[in-house]
Amino acid sequence: MKLVSFNIQYGFGSDGRYDLSRILPAIEDADIICLQEVERHWTRSGMDDQPALISAMLPGHHWVYGPAFDMDASVTVAGRVLHRRRQFGTMILSRLPLEWSRLWPLPKRRMLDPLNTQNAALEAMVLAPSGPLRILSLHLAHVGVAERLEQIDFLLAQHARAVAEGGPWSGTDDEPERNWTEGQPEPANPARAIWMGDFNSEPHSAEYRRITGDAPYHPGARYADGFCDAATVARTVAGRLHTHEKIIAGERRLRQLDHCFVTPDLAPRIRSVSVDTGCFASDHYPLTVDIDL
């Protein structure tokens, strides 16, 4: 199966031009797609409902959208309220049905300077041929290491609780006349998981080590409960891929900010990891992972 993670920068390409359709070649062949910086009803993107537009581009995919925050964008026309919510968040699309989903707002610190915004991780469960797994499309804070570490610790704690916590509902329906469960068995909330998205942190950073479980004072040592970097599993040397480039003080800086992390049981299933540096639909490049699921 082909997985793609792409921070689409709300449809603005590296040339500064808004054209949401330019993301399609990068994602249309993927089985599971994790998008970040997807928005609804912003003036900069023509008040477009981007989740609706993206889902229309991929009619063969199921999808969920999770706004990290939601603000009023309504207007009153001829005495009637035109209800609109200005939203910014993450999205998951999948050829496999998304059995359930939920949104995790991530810890946030109030900033004085520069601008800081609420971030979130969108989680969904799919029943792959090899068994159920959880997919997270996430976007970590861009402003500081301390805030990102708080967000990672939050997500790791939720991950550790997955099996014991169960899915969206559990137990015996004691009010069958209300048909709460629609006749379905209890949804799975499996331990195995894939995290994809814009982590705003590079390989070997403190944030990276927190996710992979590297022991800081013993090079090469890893704790058993850490995630595996798909790129490393695919024998891609850390730092050889770059998903973002920026001119800083006149110097072109290449950075790998977007990653795919998998639970250790999925590591042997990774086939390849690549980045399409020829895509100009965003200020990030799409990250593709081929995995046997």
C-alpha atoms as a PDB file:
ATOM      1  CA  MET A   1       0.000   0.000   0.000  1.00  0.00           C
ATOM      2  CA  LYS A   2       1.080   3.542  -0.708  1.00  0.00           C
ATOM      3  CA  LEU A   3       0.910   6.152   2.070  1.00  0.00           C
ATOM      4  CA  VAL A   4       1.469   9.872   1.514  1.00  0.00           C
ATOM      5  CA  SER A   5       1.918  12.672   4.033  1.00  0.00           C
ATOM      6  CA  PHE A   6       1.727  16.238   2.731  1.00  0.00           C
ATOM      7  CA  ASN A   7       1.589  19.620   4.421  1.00  0.00           C
ATOM      8  CA  ILE A   8      -0.269  21.445   1.655  1.00  0.00           C
ATOM      9  CA  GLN A   9       0.116  24.989   3.092  1.00  0.00           C
ATOM     10  CA  TYR A  10      -3.598  25.634   2.442  1.00  0.00           C
ATOM     11  CA  GLY A  11      -3.072  25.348  -1.304  1.00  0.00           C
ATOM     12  CA  PHE A  12      -0.338  27.958  -1.702  1.00  0.00           C
ATOM     13  CA  GLY A  13       2.613  26.701  -3.713  1.00  0.00           C
ATOM     14  CA  SER A  14       6.273  27.567  -3.410  1.00  0.00           C
ATOM     15  CA  ASP A  15       5.605  30.249  -6.039  1.00  0.00           C
ATOM     16  CA  GLY A  16       3.133  31.961  -3.689  1.00  0.00           C
ATOM     17  CA  ARG A  17       0.152  31.181  -5.926  1.00  0.00           C
ATOM     18  CA  TYR A  18      -3.062  29.617  -4.600  1.00  0.00           C
ATOM     19  CA  ASP A  19      -4.142  26.571  -6.593  1.00  0.00           C
ATOM     20  CA  LEU A  20      -5.439  23.659  -4.548  1.00  0.00           C
ATOM     21  CA  SER A  21      -5.678  21.393  -7.610  1.00  0.00           C
ATOM     22  CA  ARG A  22      -1.873  21.225  -7.840  1.00  0.00           C
ATOM     23  CA  ILE A  23      -1.734  18.824  -4.885  1.00  0.00           C
ATOM     24  CA  LEU A  24      -3.637  16.125  -6.829  1.00  0.00           C
ATOM     25  CA  PRO A  25      -0.734  14.511  -8.753  1.00  0.00           C
ATOM     26  CA  ALA A  26       1.100  13.961  -5.472  1.00  0.00           C
ATOM     27  CA  ILE A  27      -1.746  12.158  -3.724  1.00  0.00           C
ATOM     28  CA  GLU A  28      -4.136  10.616  -6.267  1.00  0.00           C
ATOM     29  CA  ASP A  29      -2.405   7.214  -6.423  1.00  0.00           C
ATOM     30  CA  ALA A  30      -2.088   6.808  -2.652  1.00  0.00           C
ATOM     31  CA  ASP A  31      -4.136   4.369  -0.600  1.00  0.00           C
ATOM     32  CA  ILE A  32      -3.909   6.430   2.613  1.00  0.00           C
ATOM     33  CA  ILE A  33      -3.268  10.177   2.624  1.00  0.00           C
ATOM     34  CA  CYS A  34      -2.453  12.375   5.619  1.00  0.00           C
ATOM     35  CA  LEU A  35      -2.752  16.107   4.937  1.00  0.00           C
ATOM     36  CA  GLN A  36      -1.883  19.053   7.147  1.00  0.00           C
ATOM     37  CA  GLU A  37      -2.769  22.765   6.915  1.00  0.00           C
ATOM     38  CA  VAL A  38      -6.176  22.193   5.352  1.00  0.00           C
ATOM     39  CA  GLU A  39      -8.655  25.017   5.881  1.00  0.00           C
ATOM     40  CA  ARG A  40     -12.238  26.141   5.498  1.00  0.00           C
ATOM     41  CA  HIS A  41     -13.631  29.619   4.847  1.00  0.00           C
ATOM     42  CA  TRP A  42     -10.497  31.791   4.914  1.00  0.00           C
ATOM     43  CA  THR A  43     -10.366  34.891   2.743  1.00  0.00           C
ATOM     44  CA  ARG A  44      -6.816  34.088   1.617  1.00  0.00           C
ATOM     45  CA  SER A  45      -8.112  30.917  -0.068  1.00  0.00           C
ATOM     46  CA  GLY A  46     -11.268  32.468  -1.474  1.00  0.00           C
ATOM     47  CA  MET A  47     -13.544  31.181   1.316  1.00  0.00           C
ATOM     48  CA  ASP A  48     -13.098  27.691  -0.149  1.00  0.00           C
ATOM     49  CA  ASP A  49     -14.229  24.608   1.758  1.00  0.00           C
ATOM     50  CA  GLN A  50     -10.993  22.720   1.139  1.00  0.00           C
ATOM     51  CA  PRO A  51     -11.998  19.348   2.675  1.00  0.00           C
ATOM     52  CA  ALA A  52     -15.006  19.284   0.346  1.00  0.00           C
ATOM     53  CA  LEU A  53     -12.886  20.243  -2.676  1.00  0.00           C
ATOM     54  CA  ILE A  54     -10.163  17.683  -1.886  1.00  0.00           C
ATOM     55  CA  SER A  55     -12.657  14.888  -1.306  1.00  0.00           C
ATOM     56  CA  ALA A  56     -14.278  15.735  -4.665  1.00  0.00           C
ATOM     57  CA  MET A  57     -10.870  15.284  -6.326  1.00  0.00           C
ATOM     58  CA  LEU A  58     -10.655  11.759  -4.845  1.00  0.00           C
ATOM     59  CA  PRO A  59     -14.148  10.267  -5.091  1.00  0.00           C
ATOM     60  CA  GLY A  60     -12.842   6.747  -4.428  1.00  0.00           C
ATOM     61  CA  HIS A  61     -11.511   7.666  -0.984  1.00  0.00           C
ATOM     62  CA  HIS A  62     -13.198   7.836   2.406  1.00  0.00           C
ATOM     63  CA  TRP A  63     -12.228  10.903   4.413  1.00  0.00           C
ATOM     64  CA  VAL A  64     -12.335  12.696   7.747  1.00  0.00           C
ATOM     65  CA  TYR A  65     -11.342  16.250   8.639  1.00  0.00           C
ATOM     66  CA  GLY A  66     -10.288  17.542  12.043  1.00  0.00           C
ATOM     67  CA  PRO A  67     -10.097  21.304  12.663  1.00  0.00           C
ATOM     68  CA  ALA A  68      -7.460  22.230  15.238  1.00  0.00           C
ATOM     69  CA  PHE A  69      -9.473  25.374  15.893  1.00  0.00           C
ATOM     70  CA  ASP A  70     -12.764  26.847  14.785  1.00  0.00           C
ATOM     71  CA  MET A  71     -13.763  30.518  14.615  1.00  0.00           C
ATOM     72  CA  ASP A  72     -16.766  32.437  13.409  1.00  0.00           C
ATOM     73  CA  ALA A  73     -16.775  33.476   9.744  1.00  0.00           C
ATOM     74  CA  SER A  74     -20.502  34.117   9.399  1.00  0.00           C
ATOM     75  CA  VAL A  75     -22.054  37.068   7.610  1.00  0.00           C
ATOM     76  CA  THR A  76     -25.590  38.458   7.684  1.00  0.00           C
ATOM     77  CA  VAL A  77     -27.250  38.873   4.308  1.00  0.00           C
ATOM     78  CA  ALA A  78     -30.723  40.426   4.046  1.00  0.00           C
ATOM     79  CA  GLY A  79     -31.333  39.771   7.710  1.00  0.00           C
ATOM     80  CA  ARG A  80     -30.344  36.102   7.549  1.00  0.00           C
ATOM     81  CA  VAL A  81     -27.187  34.640   9.053  1.00  0.00           C
ATOM     82  CA  LEU A  82     -25.008  32.824   6.538  1.00  0.00           C
ATOM     83  CA  HIS A  83     -23.388  30.346   8.911  1.00  0.00           C
ATOM     84  CA  ARG A  84     -19.706  29.663   8.264  1.00  0.00           C
ATOM     85  CA  ARG A  85     -16.882  28.474  10.506  1.00  0.00           C
ATOM     86  CA  ARG A  86     -13.268  29.428   9.808  1.00  0.00           C
ATOM     87  CA  GLN A  87     -11.271  26.257  10.421  1.00  0.00           C
ATOM     88  CA  PHE A  88      -7.690  25.041  10.098  1.00  0.00           C
ATOM     89  CA  GLY A  89      -6.587  21.460  10.626  1.00  0.00           C
ATOM     90  CA  THR A  90      -5.646  18.039   9.337  1.00  0.00           C
ATOM     91  CA  MET A  91      -7.264  15.482   7.061  1.00  0.00           C
ATOM     92  CA  ILE A  92      -7.085  11.746   6.370  1.00  0.00           C
ATOM     93  CA  LEU A  93      -8.265  10.093   3.141  1.00  0.00           C
ATOM     94  CA  SER A  94      -8.268   6.335   2.610  1.00  0.00           C
ATOM     95  CA  ARG A  95      -9.371   3.771   0.043  1.00  0.00           C
ATOM     96  CA  LEU A  96     -10.186   1.584   3.048  1.00  0.00           C
ATOM     97  CA  PRO A  97     -13.157   2.630   5.183  1.00  0.00           C
ATOM     98  CA  LEU A  98     -12.249   4.796   8.168  1.00  0.00           C
ATOM     99  CA  GLU A  99     -13.993   2.770  10.859  1.00  0.00           C
ATOM    100  CA  TRP A 100     -13.813   5.577  13.424  1.00  0.00           C
ATOM    101  CA  SER A 101     -11.926   8.792  14.025  1.00  0.00           C
ATOM    102  CA  ARG A 102     -11.285  11.334  16.751  1.00  0.00           C
ATOM    103  CA  LEU A 103      -9.360  14.555  17.152  1.00  0.00           C
ATOM    104  CA  TRP A 104      -6.697  15.222  19.771  1.00  0.00           C
ATOM    105  CA  PRO A 105      -6.082  18.959  20.442  1.00  0.00           C
ATOM    106  CA  LEU A 106      -2.403  19.196  21.386  1.00  0.00           C
ATOM    107  CA  PRO A 107      -0.919  21.122  24.329  1.00  0.00           C
ATOM    108  CA  LYS A 108      -0.280  24.750  23.460  1.00  0.00           C
ATOM    109  CA  ARG A 109       1.603  27.621  25.072  1.00  0.00           C
ATOM    110  CA  ARG A 110       0.530  31.219  24.727  1.00  0.00           C
ATOM    111  CA  MET A 111       3.127  33.201  22.787  1.00  0.00           C
ATOM    112  CA  LEU A 112       4.000  36.879  22.887  1.00  0.00           C
ATOM    113  CA  ASP A 113       6.018  36.672  19.678  1.00  0.00           C
ATOM    114  CA  PRO A 114       5.811  35.196  17.042  1.00  0.00           C
ATOM    115  CA  LEU A 115       2.339  33.946  16.168  1.00  0.00           C
ATOM    116  CA  ASN A 116       1.419  30.557  17.617  1.00  0.00           C
ATOM    117  CA  THR A 117      -1.687  28.551  16.745  1.00  0.00           C
ATOM    118  CA  GLN A 118      -3.518  25.548  18.118  1.00  0.00           C
ATOM    119  CA  ASN A 119      -2.380  22.243  16.590  1.00  0.00           C
ATOM    120  CA  ALA A 120      -4.051  18.854  16.604  1.00  0.00           C
ATOM    121  CA  ALA A 121      -3.615  15.192  15.713  1.00  0.00           C
ATOM    122  CA  LEU A 122      -6.389  13.503  13.758  1.00  0.00           C
ATOM    123  CA  GLU A 123      -6.654   9.785  14.462  1.00  0.00           C
ATOM    124  CA  ALA A 124      -8.543   7.172  12.441  1.00  0.00           C
ATOM    125  CA  MET A 125      -8.736   3.387  12.498  1.00  0.00           C
ATOM    126  CA  VAL A 126      -8.674   1.263   9.342  1.00  0.00           C
ATOM    127  CA  LEU A 127      -9.113  -2.472   8.889  1.00  0.00           C
ATOM    128  CA  ALA A 128      -6.195  -3.308   6.625  1.00  0.00           C
ATOM    129  CA  PRO A 129      -5.926  -6.833   5.140  1.00  0.00           C
ATOM    130  CA  SER A 130      -3.183  -7.568   7.695  1.00  0.00           C
ATOM    131  CA  GLY A 131      -5.323  -6.349  10.586  1.00  0.00           C
ATOM    132  CA  PRO A 132      -6.551  -3.119  12.206  1.00  0.00           C
ATOM    133  CA  LEU A 133      -4.266  -0.153  12.749  1.00  0.00           C
ATOM    134  CA  ARG A 134      -4.515   3.458  13.811  1.00  0.00           C
ATOM    135  CA  ILE A 135      -3.414   6.279  11.500  1.00  0.00           C
ATOM    136  CA  LEU A 136      -2.504   9.700  12.877  1.00  0.00           C
ATOM    137  CA  SER A 137      -2.201  12.796  10.697  1.00  0.00           C
ATOM    138  CA  LEU A 138      -0.531  15.379  12.881  1.00  0.00           C
ATOM    139  CA  HIS A 139       1.021  18.810  12.856  1.00  0.00           C
ATOM    140  CA  LEU A 140       3.309  19.812  15.714  1.00  0.00           C
ATOM    141  CA  ALA A 141       4.078  23.357  16.859  1.00  0.00           C
ATOM    142  CA  HIS A 142       6.512  25.336  14.742  1.00  0.00           C
ATOM    143  CA  VAL A 143       7.660  27.734  17.457  1.00  0.00           C
ATOM    144  CA  GLY A 144       9.689  25.770  19.973  1.00  0.00           C
ATOM    145  CA  VAL A 145      11.207  22.498  21.128  1.00  0.00           C
ATOM    146  CA  ALA A 146       9.619  22.602  24.594  1.00  0.00           C
ATOM    147  CA  GLU A 147       6.103  22.863  23.167  1.00  0.00           C
ATOM    148  CA  ARG A 148       6.704  20.069  20.674  1.00  0.00           C
ATOM    149  CA  LEU A 149       8.021  17.800  23.419  1.00  0.00           C
ATOM    150  CA  GLU A 150       4.861  18.452  25.452  1.00  0.00           C
ATOM    151  CA  GLN A 151       2.769  17.527  22.418  1.00  0.00           C
ATOM    152  CA  ILE A 152       4.763  14.343  21.767  1.00  0.00           C
ATOM    153  CA  ASP A 153       4.510  13.283  25.417  1.00  0.00           C
ATOM    154  CA  PHE A 154       0.750  13.793  25.246  1.00  0.00           C
ATOM    155  CA  LEU A 155       0.467  11.629  22.124  1.00  0.00           C
ATOM    156  CA  LEU A 156       2.744   8.924  23.522  1.00  0.00           C
ATOM    157  CA  ALA A 157       0.594   8.760  26.659  1.00  0.00           C
ATOM    158  CA  GLN A 158      -2.554   8.376  24.562  1.00  0.00           C
ATOM    159  CA  HIS A 159      -0.833   5.723  22.468  1.00  0.00           C
ATOM    160  CA  ALA A 160       0.129   3.757  25.589  1.00  0.00           C
ATOM    161  CA  ARG A 161      -3.521   3.765  26.697  1.00  0.00           C
ATOM    162  CA  ALA A 162      -4.966   2.610  23.373  1.00  0.00           C
ATOM    163  CA  VAL A 163      -5.620  -1.062  24.073  1.00  0.00           C
ATOM    164  CA  ALA A 164      -6.798  -0.571  27.653  1.00  0.00           C
ATOM    165  CA  GLU A 165      -8.977   2.372  26.676  1.00  0.00           C
ATOM    166  CA  GLY A 166     -10.693   0.656  23.767  1.00  0.00           C
ATOM    167  CA  GLY A 167     -12.408   2.316  20.827  1.00  0.00           C
ATOM    168  CA  PRO A 168     -15.175   4.931  20.729  1.00  0.00           C
ATOM    169  CA  TRP A 169     -17.496   2.625  22.679  1.00  0.00           C
ATOM    170  CA  SER A 170     -17.245  -0.676  24.532  1.00  0.00           C
ATOM    171  CA  GLY A 171     -19.359  -2.967  26.673  1.00  0.00           C
ATOM    172  CA  THR A 172     -22.807  -4.492  26.339  1.00  0.00           C
ATOM    173  CA  ASP A 173     -25.620  -2.300  25.026  1.00  0.00           C
ATOM    174  CA  ASP A 174     -28.073  -2.136  27.948  1.00  0.00           C
ATOM    175  CA  GLU A 175     -30.594  -0.127  25.917  1.00  0.00           C
ATOM    176  CA  PRO A 176     -30.969  -2.200  22.739  1.00  0.00           C
ATOM    177  CA  GLU A 177     -34.232  -0.453  21.872  1.00  0.00           C
ATOM    178  CA  ARG A 178     -32.191   2.699  21.240  1.00  0.00           C
ATOM    179  CA  ASN A 179     -29.842   0.830  18.894  1.00  0.00           C
ATOM    180  CA  TRP A 180     -26.702   2.592  20.107  1.00  0.00           C
ATOM    181  CA  THR A 181     -24.346   0.140  18.422  1.00  0.00           C
ATOM    182  CA  GLU A 182     -26.251  -0.237  15.130  1.00  0.00           C
ATOM    183  CA  GLY A 183     -25.653  -3.979  15.503  1.00  0.00           C
ATOM    184  CA  GLN A 184     -21.885  -3.577  15.120  1.00  0.00           C
ATOM    185  CA  PRO A 185     -19.273  -5.304  17.280  1.00  0.00           C
ATOM    186  CA  GLU A 186     -17.072  -3.220  19.560  1.00  0.00           C
ATOM    187  CA  PRO A 187     -14.624  -1.223  17.396  1.00  0.00           C
ATOM    188  CA  ALA A 188     -10.954  -2.124  17.687  1.00  0.00           C
ATOM    189  CA  ASN A 189      -8.391   0.298  19.125  1.00  0.00           C
ATOM    190  CA  PRO A 190      -5.195  -1.561  18.223  1.00  0.00           C
ATOM    191  CA  ALA A 191      -1.720  -0.965  19.599  1.00  0.00           C
ATOM    192  CA  ARG A 192      -0.142  -0.856  16.159  1.00  0.00           C
ATOM    193  CA  ALA A 193      -0.102   2.590  14.665  1.00  0.00           C
ATOM    194  CA  ILE A 194       1.359   4.875  12.018  1.00  0.00           C
ATOM    195  CA  TRP A 195       2.108   8.537  12.708  1.00  0.00           C
ATOM    196  CA  MET A 196       2.529  10.758   9.659  1.00  0.00           C
ATOM    197  CA  GLY A 197       2.752  14.498   9.326  1.00  0.00           C
ATOM    198  CA  ASP A 198       4.687  17.694   9.802  1.00  0.00           C
ATOM    199  CA  PHE A 199       6.677  17.252  13.018  1.00  0.00           C
ATOM    200  CA  ASN A 200       8.581  20.539  12.596  1.00  0.00           C
ATOM    201  CA  SER A 201      11.658  18.708  13.857  1.00  0.00           C
ATOM    202  CA  GLU A 202      14.615  17.118  12.141  1.00  0.00           C
ATOM    203  CA  PRO A 203      16.215  13.677  12.485  1.00  0.00           C
ATOM    204  CA  HIS A 204      18.222  13.260  15.695  1.00  0.00           C
ATOM    205  CA  SER A 205      16.517  16.242  17.361  1.00  0.00           C
ATOM    206  CA  ALA A 206      15.249  15.912  20.931  1.00  0.00           C
ATOM    207  CA  GLU A 207      11.713  15.542  19.575  1.00  0.00           C
ATOM    208  CA  TYR A 208      12.784  12.815  17.150  1.00  0.00           C
ATOM    209  CA  ARG A 209      14.580  10.912  19.920  1.00  0.00           C
ATOM    210  CA  ARG A 210      11.530  11.174  22.185  1.00  0.00           C
ATOM    211  CA  ILE A 211       9.374   9.465  19.530  1.00  0.00           C
ATOM    212  CA  THR A 212      11.862   6.744  18.592  1.00  0.00           C
ATOM    213  CA  GLY A 213      12.810   6.003  22.204  1.00  0.00           C
ATOM    214  CA  ASP A 214      16.537   6.561  21.727  1.00  0.00           C
ATOM    215  CA  ALA A 215      18.510   6.441  24.968  1.00  0.00           C
ATOM    216  CA  PRO A 216      20.343   9.805  25.100  1.00  0.00           C
ATOM    217  CA  TYR A 217      23.606   8.603  26.663  1.00  0.00           C
ATOM    218  CA  HIS A 218      24.081   5.315  24.843  1.00  0.00           C
ATOM    219  CA  PRO A 219      24.316   5.791  21.066  1.00  0.00           C
ATOM    220  CA  GLY A 220      22.193   3.309  19.167  1.00  0.00           C
ATOM    221  CA  ALA A 221      20.214   2.123  22.193  1.00  0.00           C
ATOM    222  CA  ARG A 222      16.410   2.199  21.882  1.00  0.00           C
ATOM    223  CA  TYR A 223      13.614   1.513  24.319  1.00  0.00           C
ATOM    224  CA  ALA A 224      11.126  -1.201  23.336  1.00  0.00           C
ATOM    225  CA  ASP A 225       8.127   1.130  23.367  1.00  0.00           C
ATOM    226  CA  GLY A 226       9.552   3.606  20.868  1.00  0.00           C
ATOM    227  CA  PHE A 227       8.344   4.136  17.308  1.00  0.00           C
ATOM    228  CA  CYS A 228      10.492   3.341  14.271  1.00  0.00           C
ATOM    229  CA  ASP A 229      11.328   5.922  11.619  1.00  0.00           C
ATOM    230  CA  ALA A 230      10.126   4.455   8.332  1.00  0.00           C
ATOM    231  CA  ALA A 231      12.931   6.194   6.438  1.00  0.00           C
ATOM    232  CA  THR A 232      15.587   4.604   8.658  1.00  0.00           C
ATOM    233  CA  VAL A 233      13.939   1.185   8.345  1.00  0.00           C
ATOM    234  CA  ALA A 234      14.024   1.612   4.557  1.00  0.00           C
ATOM    235  CA  ARG A 235      17.767   2.247   4.902  1.00  0.00           C
ATOM    236  CA  THR A 236      17.488   5.879   3.956  1.00  0.00           C
ATOM    237  CA  VAL A 237      20.287   7.681   5.778  1.00  0.00           C
ATOM    238  CA  ALA A 238      18.880  10.251   8.204  1.00  0.00           C
ATOM    239  CA  GLY A 239      19.261  13.710   6.729  1.00  0.00           C
ATOM    240  CA  ARG A 240      19.471  12.483   3.132  1.00  0.00           C
ATOM    241  CA  LEU A 241      15.811  13.259   2.539  1.00  0.00           C
ATOM    242  CA  HIS A 242      14.444  16.776   2.735  1.00  0.00           C
ATOM    243  CA  THR A 243      10.782  17.756   2.788  1.00  0.00           C
ATOM    244  CA  HIS A 244      11.174  21.511   3.214  1.00  0.00           C
ATOM    245  CA  GLU A 245      13.545  24.169   1.984  1.00  0.00           C
ATOM    246  CA  LYS A 246      13.887  27.780   2.996  1.00  0.00           C
ATOM    247  CA  ILE A 247      16.256  30.661   2.407  1.00  0.00           C
ATOM    248  CA  ILE A 248      17.693  31.712   5.775  1.00  0.00           C
ATOM    249  CA  ALA A 249      20.167  34.622   5.877  1.00  0.00           C
ATOM    250  CA  GLY A 250      20.764  34.203   2.162  1.00  0.00           C
ATOM    251  CA  GLU A 251      21.509  30.491   2.503  1.00  0.00           C
ATOM    252  CA  ARG A 252      19.352  27.695   1.075  1.00  0.00           C
ATOM    253  CA  ARG A 253      18.544  25.366   3.954  1.00  0.00           C
ATOM    254  CA  LEU A 254      17.176  21.874   3.330  1.00  0.00           C
ATOM    255  CA  ARG A 255      15.306  20.238   6.205  1.00  0.00           C
ATOM    256  CA  GLN A 256      13.434  16.996   6.819  1.00  0.00           C
ATOM    257  CA  LEU A 257      10.458  18.124   8.888  1.00  0.00           C
ATOM    258  CA  ASP A 258       7.903  15.575   7.687  1.00  0.00           C
ATOM    259  CA  HIS A 259       8.154  11.974   8.852  1.00  0.00           C
ATOM    260  CA  CYS A 260       6.445   8.611   9.094  1.00  0.00           C
ATOM    261  CA  PHE A 261       6.840   6.699  12.357  1.00  0.00           C
ATOM    262  CA  VAL A 262       5.480   3.177  12.832  1.00  0.00           C
ATOM    263  CA  THR A 263       5.168   0.822  15.778  1.00  0.00           C
ATOM    264  CA  PRO A 264       7.971  -1.801  15.776  1.00  0.00           C
ATOM    265  CA  ASP A 265       5.697  -4.616  14.571  1.00  0.00           C
ATOM    266  CA  LEU A 266       5.119  -2.689  11.337  1.00  0.00           C
ATOM    267  CA  ALA A 267       8.803  -1.946  10.677  1.00  0.00           C
ATOM    268  CA  PRO A 268       9.484  -5.181   8.713  1.00  0.00           C
ATOM    269  CA  ARG A 269       6.629  -4.247   6.381  1.00  0.00           C
ATOM    270  CA  ILE A 270       8.244  -0.979   5.169  1.00  0.00           C
ATOM    271  CA  ARG A 271       9.386  -1.266   1.556  1.00  0.00           C
ATOM    272  CA  SER A 272      10.556   2.231   0.602  1.00  0.00           C
ATOM    273  CA  VAL A 273      10.385   5.903   1.551  1.00  0.00           C
ATOM    274  CA  SER A 274      10.745   8.783  -0.895  1.00  0.00           C
ATOM    275  CA  VAL A 275      10.175  12.519  -1.249  1.00  0.00           C
ATOM    276  CA  ASP A 276       8.931  14.268  -4.386  1.00  0.00           C
ATOM    277  CA  THR A 277      11.155  17.356  -4.520  1.00  0.00           C
ATOM    278  CA  GLY A 278       9.720  18.222  -7.932  1.00  0.00           C
ATOM    279  CA  CYS A 279       6.324  19.098  -6.453  1.00  0.00           C
ATOM    280  CA  PHE A 280       5.735  22.843  -6.125  1.00  0.00           C
ATOM    281  CA  ALA A 281       2.165  22.751  -4.794  1.00  0.00           C
ATOM    282  CA  SER A 282       3.272  23.759  -1.273  1.00  0.00           C
ATOM    283  CA  ASP A 283       6.272  24.946   0.715  1.00  0.00           C
ATOM    284  CA  HIS A 284       6.672  21.283   1.820  1.00  0.00           C
ATOM    285  CA  TYR A 285       7.288  18.249  -0.360  1.00  0.00           C
ATOM    286  CA  PRO A 286       5.082  15.136  -0.139  1.00  0.00           C
ATOM    287  CA  LEU A 287       6.521  12.141   1.701  1.00  0.00           C
ATOM    288  CA  THR A 288       5.634   8.695   0.279  1.00  0.00           C
ATOM    289  CA  VAL A 289       5.899   5.380   2.115  1.00  0.00           C
ATOM    290  CA  ASP A 290       5.361   1.986   0.489  1.00  0.00           C
ATOM    291  CA  ILE A 291       4.334  -0.582   3.096  1.00  0.00           C
ATOM    292  CA  ASP A 292       2.970  -4.112   2.978  1.00  0.00           C
ATOM    293  CA  LEU A 293      -0.324  -4.018   4.869  1.00  0.00           C
END
